[in-house]
Amino acid sequence: MSYLPRVLGLALLGLAASSALARSPMPPAERPTHVQLGPRPFFLVDDMAESPLKRDLQRCARRGDFTPRDFSIGHRGAAMQFPEHTVESYTAAARMGAGIVECDVTFTKDKALVCRHAQNDLHTTTNILVTPLAAKCTQPFVPAVLDADGKVVTPAKAECRTSDITLAEFRTLRGKMDAFNPAARTPEQYLGGTANWRTDLYSGPTSGTLMTHAESIELFKRLGVKMTPELKSASVTMPFDGFTQQAYAQKMIDEYKRAGVNPRHVFPQSFNIDDVLYWVNHEAAFGQQAVYLDDANTVADLPDYNTLVGYKTRGIHIWAPPTFALLAAENGQIVPSQAAKDAKAAGLGLITWTLERSGILADGNNGWYHQTFDSAVKTEGDMLQALHVLAKEVGVMGVFSDWPATTTFYANCMGLR
């Protein structure tokens, strides 16, 4: 495409844990000419109902010469099994053939840009609560209140922000799977809660290596992948100590310019339309492929045709809504939604998020991402049918996935770049 988806080891890691990061923040890596898909895409093919698509994918599965594809976008890396926004997660995504990888961008107390999904997620995505830095959290850990039967009366809580700590302090932390245990009585227990369809196998004291935004750029260059940074909304009031929203948006782009990255290899994203328009109007080389993320929670929240045309008129070329926005169910089949048809008519490029993020599909309770077409999902393999409709009928440019091997496999089979 031309434009642009259980607990850590609980010893206190402290400053000693940062030694591995200081020694080697980015392990040697380069973009593979062939990729490692593992068994999952082939399991999904085997699980499909009989159809021409299944037969095509079965034939493709015998090829064995799969290569990276830009259609396959690593959502936070390979977050189904690796702690998100870590060296290990990003490297896994590239090894699975993601041609584009995402760093969500936020900032520390000293205004350094770092890769985290939210400014206020350190308590669920790192080991901060079992380090001395816990004392600096906006909301220190509060244990759950349980009744006599052990049921939760009041869930445990905490809130730790990147803006609570300096970059030097951030570097001492280790990433873990994004989860928490609402029944926790101790900080150690709070770090649990990982979904049973994920794993903590890669959340150990020698893994989960956190990164600055600038370090992610250098890693992505070495991996040979394109880059899609998302400027995250701040949890603090902006301006923050004189740091304005516009300066924040500009600083993210400046780090690509400083690193000598070709703007055609960067797809800046934001849910804030003002950020996207800032790039369109002030950084045209980057802004021409800036991605406007849509935060609709239901179909009723989606923009109408005239609004989509308005995006295009203002210089926004790519609209990126959640998957449910682009698909619907009709007579038991997955089909393009009205919003998908409207966006195509408006001349917008499309990407969508996020595949491999809903756990088991065949149980019929697939939640938010599948809300408009859940009735047409019967097997795990129907994920590939949904992907096929997105690619061939909706015409998306790329798909974010928590396990990019699936999107890489499909893109190879269908000749998508």
Protein backbone atom coordinates (compact mmCIF):
# COMPACT_ATOMS: atom_id res chain seq x y z
CA MET A 1 0.00 0.00 0.00
CA SER A 2 1.14 3.57 -0.58
CA TYR A 3 -0.35 4.98 2.64
CA LEU A 4 -0.80 3.89 5.58
CA PRO A 5 -3.06 -4.23 14.68
CA ARG A 6 0.83 -13.94 35.07
CA VAL A 7 2.59 -11.80 37.05
CA LEU A 8 6.11 -10.70 36.57
CA GLY A 9 8.80 -12.04 38.80
CA LEU A 10 7.98 -9.89 41.75
CA ALA A 11 11.37 -9.10 43.17
CA LEU A 12 12.03 -5.42 43.42
CA LEU A 13 13.94 -4.64 40.26
CA GLY A 14 14.84 -1.04 41.00
CA LEU A 15 17.84 0.50 39.33
CA ALA A 16 19.51 -2.84 38.88
CA ALA A 17 16.81 -3.87 36.44
CA SER A 18 17.80 -1.05 34.13
CA SER A 19 21.25 -2.46 33.52
CA ALA A 20 20.10 -4.65 30.64
CA LEU A 21 18.41 -1.66 29.01
CA ALA A 22 21.51 0.47 29.47
CA ARG A 23 23.75 -2.25 28.01
CA SER A 24 21.56 -3.08 25.02
CA PRO A 25 18.34 -1.06 24.55
CA MET A 26 17.95 -2.52 21.06
CA PRO A 27 19.29 -6.01 20.29
CA PRO A 28 20.77 -6.62 16.83
CA ALA A 29 17.98 -7.18 14.31
CA GLU A 30 17.16 -6.63 10.67
CA ARG A 31 14.13 -7.07 8.44
CA PRO A 32 13.92 -10.73 7.45
CA THR A 33 13.50 -11.69 3.81
CA HIS A 34 11.40 -14.62 5.04
CA VAL A 35 9.21 -14.52 8.12
CA GLN A 36 8.26 -16.88 10.92
CA LEU A 37 4.52 -17.39 11.04
CA GLY A 38 4.27 -20.23 13.55
CA PRO A 39 1.22 -22.50 13.67
CA ARG A 40 -1.60 -20.02 14.38
CA PRO A 41 -2.50 -18.86 10.84
CA PHE A 42 -2.64 -22.47 9.68
CA PHE A 43 -4.78 -23.45 12.67
CA LEU A 44 -7.21 -20.71 11.65
CA VAL A 45 -7.33 -21.98 8.07
CA ASP A 46 -8.01 -25.54 9.26
CA ASP A 47 -10.84 -24.23 11.46
CA MET A 48 -12.66 -22.47 8.61
CA ALA A 49 -15.89 -23.81 7.17
CA GLU A 50 -15.44 -25.31 3.72
CA SER A 51 -15.35 -22.58 1.07
CA PRO A 52 -13.36 -21.41 -1.95
CA LEU A 53 -11.44 -19.05 0.37
CA LYS A 54 -10.44 -21.93 2.64
CA ARG A 55 -9.20 -23.95 -0.32
CA ASP A 56 -7.20 -20.98 -1.61
CA LEU A 57 -5.60 -20.45 1.79
CA GLN A 58 -4.85 -24.15 2.16
CA ARG A 59 -2.99 -24.10 -1.14
CA CYS A 60 -1.15 -20.98 -0.04
CA ALA A 61 -0.19 -22.57 3.27
CA ARG A 62 1.92 -25.12 1.40
CA ARG A 63 4.11 -22.42 -0.15
CA GLY A 64 6.39 -21.66 2.77
CA ASP A 65 7.99 -18.54 1.24
CA PHE A 66 6.22 -15.79 3.18
CA THR A 67 7.66 -12.27 3.27
CA PRO A 68 6.93 -9.05 5.23
CA ARG A 69 3.91 -7.02 4.14
CA ASP A 70 2.85 -3.44 4.91
CA PHE A 71 -0.76 -4.64 5.04
CA SER A 72 0.24 -6.32 8.33
CA ILE A 73 0.53 -3.74 11.12
CA GLY A 74 1.92 -4.72 14.52
CA HIS A 75 -0.48 -3.29 17.11
CA ARG A 76 1.74 -2.29 20.03
CA GLY A 77 4.09 -4.91 18.58
CA ALA A 78 2.80 -8.44 19.07
CA ALA A 79 0.68 -7.76 22.13
CA MET A 80 -1.29 -10.99 22.22
CA GLN A 81 1.64 -12.68 23.98
CA PHE A 82 4.43 -10.12 24.45
CA PRO A 83 4.24 -7.13 26.81
CA GLU A 84 3.17 -4.26 24.61
CA HIS A 85 5.51 -1.50 23.48
CA THR A 86 8.66 -3.38 24.43
CA VAL A 87 11.75 -4.36 22.46
CA GLU A 88 10.62 -7.97 22.62
CA SER A 89 7.10 -7.22 21.36
CA TYR A 90 8.31 -5.05 18.48
CA THR A 91 10.94 -7.58 17.42
CA ALA A 92 8.37 -10.40 17.49
CA ALA A 93 6.03 -8.37 15.26
CA ALA A 94 8.78 -7.81 12.70
CA ARG A 95 9.72 -11.49 12.77
CA MET A 96 6.08 -12.29 11.99
CA GLY A 97 6.26 -10.06 8.93
CA ALA A 98 4.58 -6.87 10.12
CA GLY A 99 5.69 -4.25 7.60
CA ILE A 100 4.56 -1.43 9.90
CA VAL A 101 4.88 -1.33 13.69
CA GLU A 102 3.25 1.03 16.19
CA CYS A 103 4.72 3.05 19.04
CA ASP A 104 2.06 4.82 21.10
CA VAL A 105 3.69 8.06 22.21
CA THR A 106 3.35 9.82 25.54
CA PHE A 107 5.72 11.80 27.77
CA THR A 108 7.48 11.70 31.13
CA LYS A 109 7.74 14.30 33.87
CA ASP A 110 10.76 15.78 32.08
CA LYS A 111 8.90 15.75 28.73
CA ALA A 112 10.79 12.87 27.15
CA LEU A 113 8.71 10.93 24.62
CA VAL A 114 8.27 7.24 25.45
CA CYS A 115 6.28 4.29 24.07
CA ARG A 116 3.23 3.51 26.22
CA HIS A 117 -0.39 2.93 25.27
CA ALA A 118 -1.53 5.60 27.72
CA GLN A 119 0.13 8.15 29.92
CA ASN A 120 -1.61 6.60 32.92
CA ASP A 121 -1.11 2.85 32.40
CA LEU A 122 2.16 2.11 34.20
CA HIS A 123 0.31 0.37 37.04
CA THR A 124 -1.11 -2.23 34.63
CA THR A 125 1.67 -2.49 32.04
CA THR A 126 4.83 -2.38 34.17
CA ASN A 127 6.17 -3.52 37.53
CA ILE A 128 6.13 0.00 39.00
CA LEU A 129 3.94 -0.94 41.98
CA VAL A 130 6.59 -3.31 43.32
CA THR A 131 9.42 -0.79 42.97
CA PRO A 132 10.30 2.28 45.06
CA LEU A 133 8.73 4.42 42.31
CA ALA A 134 5.29 3.32 43.54
CA ALA A 135 5.45 6.15 46.04
CA LYS A 136 5.43 8.67 43.17
CA CYS A 137 2.24 7.40 41.56
CA THR A 138 -0.71 9.76 41.16
CA GLN A 139 -2.79 7.16 43.04
CA PRO A 140 -0.72 4.77 45.16
CA PHE A 141 -2.00 1.22 45.47
CA VAL A 142 -5.19 0.76 47.50
CA PRO A 143 -6.10 -2.87 48.33
CA ALA A 144 -9.46 -4.38 47.46
CA VAL A 145 -12.18 -4.67 50.06
CA LEU A 146 -13.55 -8.22 50.17
CA ASP A 147 -16.59 -9.61 51.95
CA ALA A 148 -16.57 -12.66 54.21
CA ASP A 149 -16.85 -14.94 51.16
CA GLY A 150 -13.91 -13.31 49.43
CA LYS A 151 -16.04 -11.48 46.87
CA VAL A 152 -14.95 -8.02 45.81
CA VAL A 153 -16.85 -5.19 47.50
CA THR A 154 -14.49 -2.45 46.34
CA PRO A 155 -11.87 -3.28 43.70
CA ALA A 156 -8.20 -2.57 44.21
CA LYS A 157 -6.99 0.57 42.52
CA ALA A 158 -3.88 2.49 41.52
CA GLU A 159 -2.87 5.02 38.89
CA CYS A 160 0.70 5.54 37.79
CA ARG A 161 1.54 7.96 35.01
CA THR A 162 4.64 8.41 32.91
CA SER A 163 4.35 12.08 33.87
CA ASP A 164 4.81 11.06 37.52
CA ILE A 165 8.42 10.03 36.87
CA THR A 166 11.49 11.16 34.94
CA LEU A 167 12.95 9.40 31.93
CA ALA A 168 15.78 8.05 34.07
CA GLU A 169 13.21 6.54 36.44
CA PHE A 170 11.12 5.20 33.56
CA ARG A 171 14.16 3.30 32.32
CA THR A 172 14.30 1.27 35.53
CA LEU A 173 10.90 -0.35 34.90
CA ARG A 174 10.05 -3.60 33.13
CA GLY A 175 7.00 -4.19 30.97
CA LYS A 176 4.35 -6.84 31.65
CA MET A 177 1.09 -7.90 30.06
CA ASP A 178 -1.55 -5.20 30.39
CA ALA A 179 -3.75 -6.53 33.20
CA PHE A 180 -4.57 -6.20 36.88
CA ASN A 181 -6.29 -8.23 39.57
CA PRO A 182 -9.28 -6.28 41.02
CA ALA A 183 -9.33 -8.57 44.09
CA ALA A 184 -5.71 -7.80 44.97
CA ARG A 185 -4.78 -7.23 48.57
CA THR A 186 -1.12 -6.52 47.81
CA PRO A 187 0.74 -4.77 44.97
CA GLU A 188 2.21 -8.13 43.97
CA GLN A 189 -1.26 -9.59 43.55
CA TYR A 190 -2.41 -6.52 41.62
CA LEU A 191 0.08 -7.29 38.85
CA GLY A 192 -1.90 -10.42 37.96
CA GLY A 193 -5.13 -10.77 36.03
CA THR A 194 -3.76 -11.67 32.60
CA ALA A 195 -6.51 -13.04 30.34
CA ASN A 196 -6.41 -16.84 30.02
CA TRP A 197 -6.01 -16.61 26.23
CA ARG A 198 -2.81 -14.58 26.65
CA THR A 199 0.37 -15.55 28.47
CA ASP A 200 2.93 -14.26 30.96
CA LEU A 201 5.62 -16.46 29.50
CA TYR A 202 7.47 -13.42 28.12
CA SER A 203 6.93 -11.16 31.13
CA GLY A 204 10.01 -11.98 33.12
CA PRO A 205 12.65 -9.97 34.97
CA THR A 206 15.02 -10.09 31.97
CA SER A 207 12.42 -9.18 29.34
CA GLY A 208 9.76 -6.49 28.95
CA THR A 209 12.34 -3.89 27.88
CA LEU A 210 10.73 -0.45 27.75
CA MET A 211 11.67 2.09 25.10
CA THR A 212 11.76 5.79 24.41
CA HIS A 213 10.15 6.95 21.20
CA ALA A 214 13.58 7.80 19.75
CA GLU A 215 14.84 4.30 20.60
CA SER A 216 11.82 2.77 18.88
CA ILE A 217 12.69 4.71 15.73
CA GLU A 218 16.22 3.31 15.72
CA LEU A 219 14.96 -0.21 16.39
CA PHE A 220 12.39 0.04 13.60
CA LYS A 221 15.05 1.29 11.20
CA ARG A 222 17.19 -1.72 12.04
CA LEU A 223 14.22 -4.08 11.69
CA GLY A 224 13.44 -2.55 8.30
CA VAL A 225 9.81 -1.73 9.17
CA LYS A 226 7.77 1.39 8.58
CA MET A 227 6.46 3.29 11.57
CA THR A 228 3.05 4.39 12.81
CA PRO A 229 3.36 6.46 15.99
CA GLU A 230 0.17 7.40 17.80
CA LEU A 231 0.19 10.66 19.74
CA LYS A 232 -1.71 9.75 22.92
CA SER A 233 -4.00 12.08 24.80
CA ALA A 234 -2.36 13.41 27.93
CA SER A 235 -3.74 12.48 31.36
CA VAL A 236 -2.39 15.76 32.70
CA THR A 237 -3.80 19.16 31.85
CA MET A 238 -2.16 20.69 28.81
CA PRO A 239 -0.06 22.80 28.62
CA PHE A 240 2.03 20.70 31.01
CA ASP A 241 4.75 22.82 32.60
CA GLY A 242 4.72 24.97 29.45
CA PHE A 243 4.54 21.98 27.08
CA THR A 244 1.65 22.69 24.72
CA GLN A 245 -0.32 20.18 22.65
CA GLN A 246 1.15 21.65 19.48
CA ALA A 247 4.68 21.36 20.84
CA TYR A 248 3.93 17.75 21.76
CA ALA A 249 2.69 16.97 18.24
CA GLN A 250 5.70 18.72 16.73
CA LYS A 251 8.22 17.01 19.00
CA MET A 252 7.01 13.60 17.85
CA ILE A 253 7.61 14.52 14.20
CA ASP A 254 10.93 16.18 15.00
CA GLU A 255 12.29 12.89 16.35
CA TYR A 256 11.72 11.28 12.93
CA LYS A 257 13.33 14.19 11.15
CA ARG A 258 16.31 14.08 13.50
CA ALA A 259 16.68 10.35 12.83
CA GLY A 260 16.62 10.91 9.07
CA VAL A 261 13.49 8.80 8.50
CA ASN A 262 11.82 9.17 5.12
CA PRO A 263 8.36 10.71 5.74
CA ARG A 264 6.86 8.09 3.39
CA HIS A 265 7.81 5.49 6.01
CA VAL A 266 5.89 7.23 8.82
CA PHE A 267 2.12 7.19 9.39
CA PRO A 268 1.45 9.50 12.36
CA GLN A 269 -1.87 8.81 14.10
CA SER A 270 -4.14 10.49 16.61
CA PHE A 271 -7.71 10.28 17.91
CA ASN A 272 -7.52 14.07 18.22
CA ILE A 273 -8.39 15.62 14.87
CA ASP A 274 -6.53 18.80 15.84
CA ASP A 275 -3.28 16.80 16.03
CA VAL A 276 -3.88 15.34 12.57
CA LEU A 277 -4.70 18.75 11.10
CA TYR A 278 -1.61 20.21 12.77
CA TRP A 279 0.54 17.71 10.86
CA VAL A 280 -1.41 18.31 7.65
CA ASN A 281 -0.87 22.06 7.90
CA HIS A 282 2.62 22.26 9.44
CA GLU A 283 4.41 19.07 8.38
CA ALA A 284 3.03 18.34 4.92
CA ALA A 285 5.46 15.52 4.12
CA PHE A 286 4.27 13.63 7.20
CA GLY A 287 0.74 15.01 7.24
CA GLN A 288 -0.20 13.69 3.80
CA GLN A 289 -0.37 10.19 5.27
CA ALA A 290 -1.47 11.08 8.78
CA VAL A 291 -4.13 8.75 10.16
CA TYR A 292 -7.27 10.00 11.90
CA LEU A 293 -8.30 7.35 14.42
CA ASP A 294 -12.00 7.11 15.17
CA ASP A 295 -13.05 6.48 18.78
CA ALA A 296 -16.67 5.49 18.06
CA ASN A 297 -18.06 3.03 20.60
CA THR A 298 -21.20 2.11 18.63
CA VAL A 299 -22.52 2.44 15.09
CA ALA A 300 -24.51 5.47 16.20
CA ASP A 301 -21.24 7.28 16.97
CA LEU A 302 -19.82 6.89 13.46
CA PRO A 303 -19.54 9.90 11.13
CA ASP A 304 -21.96 10.21 8.21
CA TYR A 305 -21.00 10.57 4.57
CA ASN A 306 -20.84 14.38 4.66
CA THR A 307 -18.54 14.33 7.68
CA LEU A 308 -16.24 11.84 5.95
CA VAL A 309 -16.13 14.07 2.89
CA GLY A 310 -15.24 16.93 5.22
CA TYR A 311 -12.20 15.00 6.49
CA LYS A 312 -10.98 14.59 2.92
CA THR A 313 -11.61 18.24 2.11
CA ARG A 314 -9.48 19.30 5.08
CA GLY A 315 -6.53 17.22 3.91
CA ILE A 316 -7.02 14.01 5.90
CA HIS A 317 -6.50 11.04 3.60
CA ILE A 318 -6.76 8.05 5.96
CA TRP A 319 -9.62 7.24 8.33
CA ALA A 320 -9.05 4.45 10.85
CA PRO A 321 -12.15 3.24 12.69
CA PRO A 322 -12.44 0.07 14.80
CA THR A 323 -13.23 -3.15 12.95
CA PHE A 324 -16.92 -3.21 13.86
CA ALA A 325 -17.37 0.09 11.99
CA LEU A 326 -16.45 -1.46 8.64
CA LEU A 327 -18.31 -4.78 8.84
CA ALA A 328 -21.89 -5.96 9.26
CA ALA A 329 -23.78 -9.26 9.25
CA GLU A 330 -26.35 -10.02 6.55
CA ASN A 331 -28.11 -13.38 6.18
CA GLY A 332 -25.41 -15.00 8.30
CA GLN A 333 -22.58 -13.57 6.18
CA ILE A 334 -19.97 -10.90 6.95
CA VAL A 335 -20.42 -7.92 4.61
CA PRO A 336 -19.16 -4.30 4.30
CA SER A 337 -20.95 -1.78 6.50
CA GLN A 338 -22.62 1.43 5.40
CA ALA A 339 -19.78 3.41 6.97
CA ALA A 340 -17.29 1.44 4.86
CA LYS A 341 -19.25 2.27 1.71
CA ASP A 342 -19.50 5.93 2.71
CA ALA A 343 -15.77 6.20 3.38
CA LYS A 344 -14.92 4.63 0.05
CA ALA A 345 -17.30 7.02 -1.73
CA ALA A 346 -15.66 9.92 0.09
CA GLY A 347 -12.27 8.90 -1.31
CA LEU A 348 -10.69 8.05 2.04
CA GLY A 349 -8.05 5.42 2.54
CA LEU A 350 -8.90 2.96 5.33
CA ILE A 351 -7.08 1.01 7.99
CA THR A 352 -8.73 -0.75 10.92
CA TRP A 353 -8.01 -2.08 14.40
CA THR A 354 -7.64 -4.57 16.01
CA LEU A 355 -7.46 -8.24 15.01
CA GLU A 356 -6.50 -10.99 17.50
CA ARG A 357 -7.64 -8.93 20.47
CA SER A 358 -10.91 -10.59 21.49
CA GLY A 359 -9.90 -14.00 22.79
CA ILE A 360 -11.92 -17.06 21.80
CA LEU A 361 -14.35 -16.29 18.96
CA ALA A 362 -16.37 -19.50 18.77
CA ASP A 363 -17.95 -18.93 22.21
CA GLY A 364 -20.31 -16.37 20.66
CA ASN A 365 -19.41 -13.60 23.09
CA ASN A 366 -16.87 -11.62 21.14
CA GLY A 367 -17.45 -8.18 22.54
CA TRP A 368 -16.80 -4.70 21.29
CA TYR A 369 -14.66 -5.30 18.20
CA HIS A 370 -17.22 -7.71 16.70
CA GLN A 371 -20.45 -6.04 17.80
CA THR A 372 -21.83 -5.51 14.27
CA PHE A 373 -21.04 -8.94 12.83
CA ASP A 374 -20.79 -11.27 15.83
CA SER A 375 -23.82 -13.25 14.67
CA ALA A 376 -21.87 -14.33 11.58
CA VAL A 377 -18.85 -15.57 13.57
CA LYS A 378 -19.09 -19.28 14.35
CA THR A 379 -15.49 -20.54 14.41
CA GLU A 380 -12.02 -19.23 15.11
CA GLY A 381 -11.39 -19.49 11.38
CA ASP A 382 -14.07 -16.90 10.67
CA MET A 383 -11.42 -14.34 11.59
CA LEU A 384 -9.92 -14.98 8.16
CA GLN A 385 -13.31 -14.55 6.52
CA ALA A 386 -13.66 -11.16 8.24
CA LEU A 387 -10.16 -10.25 7.11
CA HIS A 388 -11.04 -11.26 3.55
CA VAL A 389 -14.09 -8.98 3.49
CA LEU A 390 -12.01 -6.12 4.91
CA ALA A 391 -9.36 -6.55 2.25
CA LYS A 392 -11.35 -7.47 -0.84
CA GLU A 393 -14.73 -5.79 -0.36
CA VAL A 394 -14.07 -2.90 2.01
CA GLY A 395 -10.62 -2.28 0.53
CA VAL A 396 -8.61 -1.50 3.64
CA MET A 397 -4.94 -0.62 3.17
CA GLY A 398 -3.84 -2.36 6.32
CA VAL A 399 -5.02 -4.07 9.48
CA PHE A 400 -3.65 -3.73 12.99
CA SER A 401 -3.22 -7.06 14.73
CA ASP A 402 -2.01 -8.18 18.14
CA TRP A 403 -0.54 -11.23 16.37
CA PRO A 404 0.73 -10.05 12.97
CA ALA A 405 1.48 -13.55 11.66
CA THR A 406 -2.21 -13.84 10.75
CA THR A 407 -2.36 -10.66 8.69
CA THR A 408 1.06 -11.38 7.15
CA PHE A 409 -0.09 -14.84 6.04
CA TYR A 410 -3.29 -13.53 4.52
CA ALA A 411 -1.52 -10.65 2.74
CA ASN A 412 1.00 -13.05 1.21
CA CYS A 413 -1.75 -15.38 0.02
CA MET A 414 -3.72 -12.56 -1.59
CA GLY A 415 -0.79 -10.69 -3.08
CA LEU A 416 -1.26 -7.63 -0.90
CA ARG A 417 1.76 -5.47 -0.27
